[in-house]
Amino acid sequence: QLHYNSMASYSEGILLGVGNPLLDISSEVDMEYVKKYELKMSNAILAEEKHMPIYGELMKNKDVKYIAGGATQNSIRVAQWMMQAKGATSYIGCVGK
């Protein structure tokens, strides 16, 4: 059985995550927009050429949200929250060619 010890002491930098960073883009759109780009509700996609216009269109939407993500970064974020110790976690990632 797993026990969470909120009184534990963690050293700075005790946990390092190395992974592929992603940028999630979130916005409310109507069903016509979903159908236009052949998207599925509550689903993540790896963008193809047919999806490229979405970026420019969403950037014009004032309610768009940009959320740093990726499996490793999300895991590190949760670990930091669980540890409740400033600087206990770190993350390294790279984008580009």
C-alpha atoms as a PDB file:
ATOM      1  CA  GLN A   1       0.000   0.000   0.000  1.00  0.00           C
ATOM      2  CA  LEU A   2       1.356   3.420  -1.011  1.00  0.00           C
ATOM      3  CA  HIS A   3       1.487   6.089   1.681  1.00  0.00           C
ATOM      4  CA  TYR A   4       1.968   9.773   0.995  1.00  0.00           C
ATOM      5  CA  ASN A   5       4.087  11.529   3.613  1.00  0.00           C
ATOM      6  CA  SER A   6       3.358  15.241   3.521  1.00  0.00           C
ATOM      7  CA  MET A   7       6.000  15.843   6.198  1.00  0.00           C
ATOM      8  CA  ALA A   8       8.857  14.330   4.177  1.00  0.00           C
ATOM      9  CA  SER A   9      11.882  16.488   3.460  1.00  0.00           C
ATOM     10  CA  TYR A  10      13.088  16.680  -0.139  1.00  0.00           C
ATOM     11  CA  SER A  11      16.359  18.124  -1.391  1.00  0.00           C
ATOM     12  CA  GLU A  12      16.363  20.732  -4.118  1.00  0.00           C
ATOM     13  CA  GLY A  13      16.579  19.091  -7.534  1.00  0.00           C
ATOM     14  CA  ILE A  14      15.911  15.573  -6.197  1.00  0.00           C
ATOM     15  CA  LEU A  15      13.834  14.625  -9.261  1.00  0.00           C
ATOM     16  CA  LEU A  16      14.785  15.419 -12.878  1.00  0.00           C
ATOM     17  CA  GLY A  17      12.537  14.707 -15.853  1.00  0.00           C
ATOM     18  CA  VAL A  18      13.913  14.572 -19.393  1.00  0.00           C
ATOM     19  CA  GLY A  19      11.342  14.443 -22.157  1.00  0.00           C
ATOM     20  CA  ASN A  20       9.718  15.794 -25.258  1.00  0.00           C
ATOM     21  CA  PRO A  21       7.918  19.079 -24.500  1.00  0.00           C
ATOM     22  CA  LEU A  22       4.610  19.758 -26.191  1.00  0.00           C
ATOM     23  CA  LEU A  23       2.397  22.808 -26.404  1.00  0.00           C
ATOM     24  CA  ASP A  24      -1.289  22.094 -26.008  1.00  0.00           C
ATOM     25  CA  ILE A  25      -3.637  24.603 -27.598  1.00  0.00           C
ATOM     26  CA  SER A  26      -7.143  24.678 -26.176  1.00  0.00           C
ATOM     27  CA  SER A  27     -10.150  26.607 -27.448  1.00  0.00           C
ATOM     28  CA  GLU A  28     -13.902  26.218 -27.637  1.00  0.00           C
ATOM     29  CA  VAL A  29     -15.141  25.784 -31.205  1.00  0.00           C
ATOM     30  CA  ASP A  30     -18.424  24.719 -32.772  1.00  0.00           C
ATOM     31  CA  MET A  31     -19.163  21.324 -34.325  1.00  0.00           C
ATOM     32  CA  GLU A  32     -18.747  22.720 -37.860  1.00  0.00           C
ATOM     33  CA  TYR A  33     -15.142  23.530 -37.025  1.00  0.00           C
ATOM     34  CA  VAL A  34     -14.583  20.031 -35.612  1.00  0.00           C
ATOM     35  CA  LYS A  35     -16.004  18.448 -38.772  1.00  0.00           C
ATOM     36  CA  LYS A  36     -14.060  20.810 -41.065  1.00  0.00           C
ATOM     37  CA  TYR A  37     -10.745  19.424 -39.783  1.00  0.00           C
ATOM     38  CA  GLU A  38     -11.983  15.868 -39.125  1.00  0.00           C
ATOM     39  CA  LEU A  39     -11.259  16.132 -35.402  1.00  0.00           C
ATOM     40  CA  LYS A  40     -12.591  13.877 -32.654  1.00  0.00           C
ATOM     41  CA  MET A  41     -14.023  15.300 -29.457  1.00  0.00           C
ATOM     42  CA  SER A  42     -11.889  14.942 -26.283  1.00  0.00           C
ATOM     43  CA  ASN A  43      -8.947  13.689 -28.309  1.00  0.00           C
ATOM     44  CA  ALA A  44      -5.383  14.835 -28.920  1.00  0.00           C
ATOM     45  CA  ILE A  45      -3.854  14.717 -32.400  1.00  0.00           C
ATOM     46  CA  LEU A  46      -0.466  14.975 -34.006  1.00  0.00           C
ATOM     47  CA  ALA A  47      -1.078  17.659 -36.602  1.00  0.00           C
ATOM     48  CA  GLU A  48      -0.929  16.750 -40.268  1.00  0.00           C
ATOM     49  CA  GLU A  49      -0.687  19.108 -43.242  1.00  0.00           C
ATOM     50  CA  LYS A  50      -4.494  19.421 -43.355  1.00  0.00           C
ATOM     51  CA  HIS A  51      -4.457  20.785 -39.784  1.00  0.00           C
ATOM     52  CA  MET A  52      -1.922  23.590 -40.366  1.00  0.00           C
ATOM     53  CA  PRO A  53      -4.532  26.361 -40.867  1.00  0.00           C
ATOM     54  CA  ILE A  54      -5.891  25.651 -37.374  1.00  0.00           C
ATOM     55  CA  TYR A  55      -2.937  27.421 -35.716  1.00  0.00           C
ATOM     56  CA  GLY A  56      -3.533  30.766 -37.413  1.00  0.00           C
ATOM     57  CA  GLU A  57      -7.273  30.523 -36.912  1.00  0.00           C
ATOM     58  CA  LEU A  58      -6.972  29.738 -33.202  1.00  0.00           C
ATOM     59  CA  MET A  59      -4.405  32.510 -32.623  1.00  0.00           C
ATOM     60  CA  LYS A  60      -7.100  34.997 -33.676  1.00  0.00           C
ATOM     61  CA  ASN A  61      -9.409  33.628 -30.952  1.00  0.00           C
ATOM     62  CA  LYS A  62      -9.057  35.690 -27.774  1.00  0.00           C
ATOM     63  CA  ASP A  63     -10.124  32.727 -25.626  1.00  0.00           C
ATOM     64  CA  VAL A  64      -7.375  30.368 -26.800  1.00  0.00           C
ATOM     65  CA  LYS A  65      -5.264  28.803 -24.033  1.00  0.00           C
ATOM     66  CA  TYR A  66      -1.653  27.695 -24.482  1.00  0.00           C
ATOM     67  CA  ILE A  67      -0.701  24.965 -22.016  1.00  0.00           C
ATOM     68  CA  ALA A  68       2.797  23.541 -21.622  1.00  0.00           C
ATOM     69  CA  GLY A  69       2.541  19.782 -21.668  1.00  0.00           C
ATOM     70  CA  GLY A  70       3.926  16.432 -22.667  1.00  0.00           C
ATOM     71  CA  ALA A  71       3.922  13.280 -20.568  1.00  0.00           C
ATOM     72  CA  THR A  72       7.202  13.966 -18.756  1.00  0.00           C
ATOM     73  CA  GLN A  73       6.436  17.595 -18.004  1.00  0.00           C
ATOM     74  CA  ASN A  74       2.971  16.731 -16.734  1.00  0.00           C
ATOM     75  CA  SER A  75       4.444  13.996 -14.510  1.00  0.00           C
ATOM     76  CA  ILE A  76       7.033  16.378 -13.079  1.00  0.00           C
ATOM     77  CA  ARG A  77       4.322  18.964 -12.438  1.00  0.00           C
ATOM     78  CA  VAL A  78       2.320  16.399 -10.420  1.00  0.00           C
ATOM     79  CA  ALA A  79       5.440  15.238  -8.528  1.00  0.00           C
ATOM     80  CA  GLN A  80       6.271  18.842  -7.598  1.00  0.00           C
ATOM     81  CA  TRP A  81       2.734  19.345  -6.336  1.00  0.00           C
ATOM     82  CA  MET A  82       2.908  16.130  -4.285  1.00  0.00           C
ATOM     83  CA  MET A  83       6.290  16.975  -2.748  1.00  0.00           C
ATOM     84  CA  GLN A  84       5.272  20.512  -1.786  1.00  0.00           C
ATOM     85  CA  ALA A  85       8.962  21.453  -1.616  1.00  0.00           C
ATOM     86  CA  LYS A  86      10.172  24.425  -3.606  1.00  0.00           C
ATOM     87  CA  GLY A  87      12.678  23.415  -6.317  1.00  0.00           C
ATOM     88  CA  ALA A  88      12.423  19.665  -5.663  1.00  0.00           C
ATOM     89  CA  THR A  89      11.814  18.927  -9.342  1.00  0.00           C
ATOM     90  CA  SER A  90      13.388  19.995 -12.617  1.00  0.00           C
ATOM     91  CA  TYR A  91      12.572  19.403 -16.254  1.00  0.00           C
ATOM     92  CA  ILE A  92      14.732  19.366 -19.400  1.00  0.00           C
ATOM     93  CA  GLY A  93      13.353  19.145 -22.922  1.00  0.00           C
ATOM     94  CA  CYS A  94      14.145  20.298 -26.435  1.00  0.00           C
ATOM     95  CA  VAL A  95      12.178  21.333 -29.511  1.00  0.00           C
ATOM     96  CA  GLY A  96      13.345  21.823 -33.075  1.00  0.00           C
ATOM     97  CA  LYS A  97      15.438  19.933 -35.562  1.00  0.00           C
END
